[in-house]
């Protein structure tokens, strides 16, 4: 679905960082190094990025308009 605005565990605001993260990972950069460069150090916050799956495009095909 959509990337969460805040970390589920600690409440840090992360939603504004996802677009930059996704762009860099698509370019072929290592996700761990991208998170390090963005100064995301907490395990709970890193989990939010590493475990996120984009499925909205797949779901939107079945939505009735």
PDB file of N, CA and C in Angstrom:
ATOM      1  N   UNK A   1       0.851  -1.177   0.000  1.00  0.00           N
ATOM      2  CA  UNK A   1       0.000   0.000   0.000  1.00  0.00           C
ATOM      3  C   UNK A   1       0.895   1.238   0.000  1.00  0.00           C
ATOM      4  N   UNK A   2       0.444   2.277   0.652  1.00  0.00           N
ATOM      5  CA  UNK A   2       1.241   3.493   0.733  1.00  0.00           C
ATOM      6  C   UNK A   2       2.288   3.368   1.827  1.00  0.00           C
ATOM      7  N   UNK A   3       3.386   4.092   1.666  1.00  0.00           N
ATOM      8  CA  UNK A   3       4.424   4.093   2.702  1.00  0.00           C
ATOM      9  C   UNK A   3       3.904   4.880   3.898  1.00  0.00           C
ATOM     10  N   UNK A   4       4.060   4.345   5.100  1.00  0.00           N
ATOM     11  CA  UNK A   4       3.563   5.037   6.296  1.00  0.00           C
ATOM     12  C   UNK A   4       4.270   6.369   6.539  1.00  0.00           C
ATOM     13  N   UNK A   5       3.560   7.305   7.110  1.00  0.00           N
ATOM     14  CA  UNK A   5       4.125   8.617   7.404  1.00  0.00           C
ATOM     15  C   UNK A   5       5.083   8.530   8.581  1.00  0.00           C
ATOM     16  N   UNK A   6       4.753   7.710   9.564  1.00  0.00           N
ATOM     17  CA  UNK A   6       5.583   7.578  10.764  1.00  0.00           C
ATOM     18  C   UNK A   6       5.978   6.119  10.977  1.00  0.00           C
ATOM     19  N   UNK A   7       7.081   5.940  11.676  1.00  0.00           N
ATOM     20  CA  UNK A   7       7.531   4.606  12.077  1.00  0.00           C
ATOM     21  C   UNK A   7       6.502   4.044  13.055  1.00  0.00           C
ATOM     22  N   UNK A   8       6.135   2.782  12.883  1.00  0.00           N
ATOM     23  CA  UNK A   8       5.131   2.175  13.753  1.00  0.00           C
ATOM     24  C   UNK A   8       5.626   2.041  15.192  1.00  0.00           C
ATOM     25  N   UNK A   9       6.917   1.894  15.391  1.00  0.00           N
ATOM     26  CA  UNK A   9       7.458   1.634  16.714  1.00  0.00           C
ATOM     27  C   UNK A   9       7.814   2.904  17.475  1.00  0.00           C
ATOM     28  N   UNK A  10       8.645   3.767  16.869  1.00  0.00           N
ATOM     29  CA  UNK A  10       9.150   4.928  17.615  1.00  0.00           C
ATOM     30  C   UNK A  10       8.430   6.231  17.267  1.00  0.00           C
ATOM     31  N   UNK A  11       7.709   6.277  16.168  1.00  0.00           N
ATOM     32  CA  UNK A  11       6.955   7.471  15.812  1.00  0.00           C
ATOM     33  C   UNK A  11       7.723   8.513  15.029  1.00  0.00           C
ATOM     34  N   UNK A  12       8.945   8.206  14.604  1.00  0.00           N
ATOM     35  CA  UNK A  12       9.715   9.162  13.801  1.00  0.00           C
ATOM     36  C   UNK A  12       9.046   9.386  12.454  1.00  0.00           C
ATOM     37  N   UNK A  13       9.105  10.600  11.967  1.00  0.00           N
ATOM     38  CA  UNK A  13       8.513  10.933  10.675  1.00  0.00           C
ATOM     39  C   UNK A  13       9.432  10.421   9.572  1.00  0.00           C
ATOM     40  N   UNK A  14       8.912   9.555   8.700  1.00  0.00           N
ATOM     41  CA  UNK A  14       9.699   8.945   7.636  1.00  0.00           C
ATOM     42  C   UNK A  14       9.086   9.143   6.250  1.00  0.00           C
ATOM     43  N   UNK A  15       7.840   9.520   6.183  1.00  0.00           N
ATOM     44  CA  UNK A  15       7.131   9.597   4.916  1.00  0.00           C
ATOM     45  C   UNK A  15       7.777  10.503   3.891  1.00  0.00           C
ATOM     46  N   UNK A  16       8.433  11.553   4.328  1.00  0.00           N
ATOM     47  CA  UNK A  16       9.047  12.492   3.393  1.00  0.00           C
ATOM     48  C   UNK A  16      10.357  11.962   2.817  1.00  0.00           C
ATOM     49  N   UNK A  17      10.890  10.878   3.358  1.00  0.00           N
ATOM     50  CA  UNK A  17      12.177  10.342   2.923  1.00  0.00           C
ATOM     51  C   UNK A  17      12.041   9.196   1.924  1.00  0.00           C
ATOM     52  N   UNK A  18      10.859   8.614   1.820  1.00  0.00           N
ATOM     53  CA  UNK A  18      10.712   7.395   1.019  1.00  0.00           C
ATOM     54  C   UNK A  18      10.945   7.619  -0.470  1.00  0.00           C
ATOM     55  N   UNK A  19      10.488   8.710  -1.004  1.00  0.00           N
ATOM     56  CA  UNK A  19      10.635   8.965  -2.442  1.00  0.00           C
ATOM     57  C   UNK A  19      12.109   9.006  -2.846  1.00  0.00           C
ATOM     58  N   UNK A  20      12.927   9.684  -2.052  1.00  0.00           N
ATOM     59  CA  UNK A  20      14.363   9.754  -2.326  1.00  0.00           C
ATOM     60  C   UNK A  20      15.006   8.381  -2.183  1.00  0.00           C
ATOM     61  N   UNK A  21      14.607   7.634  -1.155  1.00  0.00           N
ATOM     62  CA  UNK A  21      15.130   6.284  -0.944  1.00  0.00           C
ATOM     63  C   UNK A  21      14.800   5.383  -2.140  1.00  0.00           C
ATOM     64  N   UNK A  22      13.553   5.384  -2.564  1.00  0.00           N
ATOM     65  CA  UNK A  22      13.133   4.521  -3.674  1.00  0.00           C
ATOM     66  C   UNK A  22      13.869   4.883  -4.965  1.00  0.00           C
ATOM     67  N   UNK A  23      14.066   6.160  -5.193  1.00  0.00           N
ATOM     68  CA  UNK A  23      14.772   6.620  -6.389  1.00  0.00           C
ATOM     69  C   UNK A  23      16.207   6.101  -6.407  1.00  0.00           C
ATOM     70  N   UNK A  24      16.894   6.209  -5.272  1.00  0.00           N
ATOM     71  CA  UNK A  24      18.288   5.770  -5.209  1.00  0.00           C
ATOM     72  C   UNK A  24      18.416   4.251  -5.328  1.00  0.00           C
ATOM     73  N   UNK A  25      17.480   3.524  -4.752  1.00  0.00           N
ATOM     74  CA  UNK A  25      17.531   2.063  -4.843  1.00  0.00           C
ATOM     75  C   UNK A  25      17.248   1.611  -6.274  1.00  0.00           C
ATOM     76  N   UNK A  26      16.334   2.295  -6.965  1.00  0.00           N
ATOM     77  CA  UNK A  26      16.065   1.966  -8.374  1.00  0.00           C
ATOM     78  C   UNK A  26      17.286   2.203  -9.254  1.00  0.00           C
ATOM     79  N   UNK A  27      18.118   3.156  -8.864  1.00  0.00           N
ATOM     80  CA  UNK A  27      19.339   3.439  -9.614  1.00  0.00           C
ATOM     81  C   UNK A  27      20.398   2.370  -9.388  1.00  0.00           C
ATOM     82  N   UNK A  28      20.157   1.446  -8.458  1.00  0.00           N
ATOM     83  CA  UNK A  28      21.066   0.344  -8.234  1.00  0.00           C
ATOM     84  C   UNK A  28      21.948   0.466  -7.013  1.00  0.00           C
ATOM     85  N   UNK A  29      21.697   1.442  -6.176  1.00  0.00           N
ATOM     86  CA  UNK A  29      22.506   1.617  -4.968  1.00  0.00           C
ATOM     87  C   UNK A  29      22.073   0.610  -3.902  1.00  0.00           C
ATOM     88  N   UNK A  30      22.985   0.279  -3.027  1.00  0.00           N
ATOM     89  CA  UNK A  30      22.722  -0.651  -1.938  1.00  0.00           C
ATOM     90  C   UNK A  30      21.766  -0.002  -0.933  1.00  0.00           C
ATOM     91  N   UNK A  31      20.629  -0.654  -0.619  1.00  0.00           N
ATOM     92  CA  UNK A  31      19.665  -0.057   0.310  1.00  0.00           C
ATOM     93  C   UNK A  31      20.255   0.299   1.673  1.00  0.00           C
ATOM     94  N   UNK A  32      21.151  -0.520   2.199  1.00  0.00           N
ATOM     95  CA  UNK A  32      21.747  -0.233   3.505  1.00  0.00           C
ATOM     96  C   UNK A  32      22.592   1.032   3.456  1.00  0.00           C
ATOM     97  N   UNK A  33      23.330   1.209   2.380  1.00  0.00           N
ATOM     98  CA  UNK A  33      24.165   2.405   2.249  1.00  0.00           C
ATOM     99  C   UNK A  33      23.311   3.652   2.037  1.00  0.00           C
ATOM    100  N   UNK A  34      22.193   3.501   1.338  1.00  0.00           N
ATOM    101  CA  UNK A  34      21.279   4.634   1.130  1.00  0.00           C
ATOM    102  C   UNK A  34      20.713   5.075   2.477  1.00  0.00           C
ATOM    103  N   UNK A  35      20.284   4.111   3.299  1.00  0.00           N
ATOM    104  CA  UNK A  35      19.748   4.449   4.619  1.00  0.00           C
ATOM    105  C   UNK A  35      20.818   5.079   5.506  1.00  0.00           C
ATOM    106  N   UNK A  36      22.057   4.603   5.392  1.00  0.00           N
ATOM    107  CA  UNK A  36      23.149   5.209   6.156  1.00  0.00           C
ATOM    108  C   UNK A  36      23.373   6.655   5.730  1.00  0.00           C
ATOM    109  N   UNK A  37      23.337   6.910   4.433  1.00  0.00           N
ATOM    110  CA  UNK A  37      23.560   8.270   3.941  1.00  0.00           C
ATOM    111  C   UNK A  37      22.414   9.205   4.325  1.00  0.00           C
ATOM    112  N   UNK A  38      21.221   8.654   4.508  1.00  0.00           N
ATOM    113  CA  UNK A  38      20.069   9.448   4.927  1.00  0.00           C
ATOM    114  C   UNK A  38      20.010   9.578   6.454  1.00  0.00           C
ATOM    115  N   UNK A  39      20.996   8.993   7.146  1.00  0.00           N
ATOM    116  CA  UNK A  39      21.112   9.032   8.603  1.00  0.00           C
ATOM    117  C   UNK A  39      19.928   8.390   9.316  1.00  0.00           C
ATOM    118  N   UNK A  40      19.426   7.288   8.754  1.00  0.00           N
ATOM    119  CA  UNK A  40      18.375   6.507   9.402  1.00  0.00           C
ATOM    120  C   UNK A  40      19.084   5.359  10.101  1.00  0.00           C
ATOM    121  N   UNK A  41      19.188   5.459  11.432  1.00  0.00           N
ATOM    122  CA  UNK A  41      20.014   4.534  12.192  1.00  0.00           C
ATOM    123  C   UNK A  41      19.223   3.521  13.016  1.00  0.00           C
ATOM    124  N   UNK A  42      18.021   3.865  13.430  1.00  0.00           N
ATOM    125  CA  UNK A  42      17.244   2.954  14.277  1.00  0.00           C
ATOM    126  C   UNK A  42      16.770   1.749  13.470  1.00  0.00           C
ATOM    127  N   UNK A  43      16.825   0.582  14.104  1.00  0.00           N
ATOM    128  CA  UNK A  43      16.418  -0.646  13.423  1.00  0.00           C
ATOM    129  C   UNK A  43      14.947  -0.612  13.050  1.00  0.00           C
ATOM    130  N   UNK A  44      14.134  -0.030  13.899  1.00  0.00           N
ATOM    131  CA  UNK A  44      12.705  -0.005  13.622  1.00  0.00           C
ATOM    132  C   UNK A  44      12.404   0.858  12.395  1.00  0.00           C
ATOM    133  N   UNK A  45      13.113   1.963  12.246  1.00  0.00           N
ATOM    134  CA  UNK A  45      12.903   2.847  11.095  1.00  0.00           C
ATOM    135  C   UNK A  45      13.449   2.221   9.815  1.00  0.00           C
ATOM    136  N   UNK A  46      14.594   1.570   9.913  1.00  0.00           N
ATOM    137  CA  UNK A  46      15.180   0.908   8.746  1.00  0.00           C
ATOM    138  C   UNK A  46      14.250  -0.198   8.252  1.00  0.00           C
ATOM    139  N   UNK A  47      13.608  -0.881   9.194  1.00  0.00           N
ATOM    140  CA  UNK A  47      12.668  -1.939   8.840  1.00  0.00           C
ATOM    141  C   UNK A  47      11.526  -1.403   7.975  1.00  0.00           C
ATOM    142  N   UNK A  48      11.082  -0.187   8.282  1.00  0.00           N
ATOM    143  CA  UNK A  48       9.980   0.405   7.529  1.00  0.00           C
ATOM    144  C   UNK A  48      10.337   0.529   6.048  1.00  0.00           C
ATOM    145  N   UNK A  49      11.578   0.899   5.757  1.00  0.00           N
ATOM    146  CA  UNK A  49      12.022   1.059   4.381  1.00  0.00           C
ATOM    147  C   UNK A  49      12.288  -0.289   3.718  1.00  0.00           C
ATOM    148  N   UNK A  50      12.998  -1.149   4.420  1.00  0.00           N
ATOM    149  CA  UNK A  50      13.433  -2.409   3.821  1.00  0.00           C
ATOM    150  C   UNK A  50      12.295  -3.393   3.595  1.00  0.00           C
ATOM    151  N   UNK A  51      11.254  -3.328   4.402  1.00  0.00           N
ATOM    152  CA  UNK A  51      10.169  -4.295   4.274  1.00  0.00           C
ATOM    153  C   UNK A  51       8.975  -3.776   3.476  1.00  0.00           C
ATOM    154  N   UNK A  52       9.015  -2.528   3.038  1.00  0.00           N
ATOM    155  CA  UNK A  52       7.885  -1.963   2.300  1.00  0.00           C
ATOM    156  C   UNK A  52       7.800  -2.562   0.901  1.00  0.00           C
ATOM    157  N   UNK A  53       6.578  -2.914   0.479  1.00  0.00           N
ATOM    158  CA  UNK A  53       6.336  -3.478  -0.848  1.00  0.00           C
ATOM    159  C   UNK A  53       5.305  -2.606  -1.549  1.00  0.00           C
ATOM    160  N   UNK A  54       5.640  -2.160  -2.752  1.00  0.00           N
ATOM    161  CA  UNK A  54       4.710  -1.346  -3.533  1.00  0.00           C
ATOM    162  C   UNK A  54       3.679  -2.261  -4.207  1.00  0.00           C
ATOM    163  N   UNK A  55       2.451  -2.213  -3.746  1.00  0.00           N
ATOM    164  CA  UNK A  55       1.399  -3.029  -4.345  1.00  0.00           C
ATOM    165  C   UNK A  55       0.224  -2.190  -4.854  1.00  0.00           C
ATOM    166  N   UNK A  56       0.315  -0.886  -4.723  1.00  0.00           N
ATOM    167  CA  UNK A  56      -0.814  -0.038  -5.096  1.00  0.00           C
ATOM    168  C   UNK A  56      -1.151  -0.153  -6.579  1.00  0.00           C
ATOM    169  N   UNK A  57      -0.145  -0.269  -7.435  1.00  0.00           N
ATOM    170  CA  UNK A  57      -0.412  -0.407  -8.870  1.00  0.00           C
ATOM    171  C   UNK A  57      -1.180  -1.687  -9.166  1.00  0.00           C
ATOM    172  N   UNK A  58      -0.896  -2.745  -8.444  1.00  0.00           N
ATOM    173  CA  UNK A  58      -1.593  -4.015  -8.644  1.00  0.00           C
ATOM    174  C   UNK A  58      -3.026  -3.944  -8.139  1.00  0.00           C
ATOM    175  N   UNK A  59      -3.243  -3.273  -7.024  1.00  0.00           N
ATOM    176  CA  UNK A  59      -4.580  -3.165  -6.440  1.00  0.00           C
ATOM    177  C   UNK A  59      -5.453  -2.229  -7.263  1.00  0.00           C
ATOM    178  N   UNK A  60      -4.870  -1.178  -7.807  1.00  0.00           N
ATOM    179  CA  UNK A  60      -5.639  -0.183  -8.554  1.00  0.00           C
ATOM    180  C   UNK A  60      -6.293  -0.791  -9.798  1.00  0.00           C
ATOM    181  N   UNK A  61      -5.748  -1.866 -10.330  1.00  0.00           N
ATOM    182  CA  UNK A  61      -6.346  -2.498 -11.514  1.00  0.00           C
ATOM    183  C   UNK A  61      -7.733  -3.035 -11.225  1.00  0.00           C
ATOM    184  N   UNK A  62      -7.981  -3.422  -9.969  1.00  0.00           N
ATOM    185  CA  UNK A  62      -9.236  -4.073  -9.619  1.00  0.00           C
ATOM    186  C   UNK A  62     -10.255  -3.140  -8.999  1.00  0.00           C
ATOM    187  N   UNK A  63      -9.892  -1.887  -8.821  1.00  0.00           N
ATOM    188  CA  UNK A  63     -10.817  -0.926  -8.211  1.00  0.00           C
ATOM    189  C   UNK A  63     -11.837  -0.477  -9.251  1.00  0.00           C
ATOM    190  N   UNK A  64     -13.104  -0.466  -8.866  1.00  0.00           N
ATOM    191  CA  UNK A  64     -14.165   0.009  -9.753  1.00  0.00           C
ATOM    192  C   UNK A  64     -14.273   1.515  -9.648  1.00  0.00           C
ATOM    193  N   UNK A  65     -14.396   2.154 -10.764  1.00  0.00           N
ATOM    194  CA  UNK A  65     -14.522   3.619 -10.781  1.00  0.00           C
ATOM    195  C   UNK A  65     -15.917   4.042 -11.071  1.00  0.00           C
TER     196      UNK A  65
END
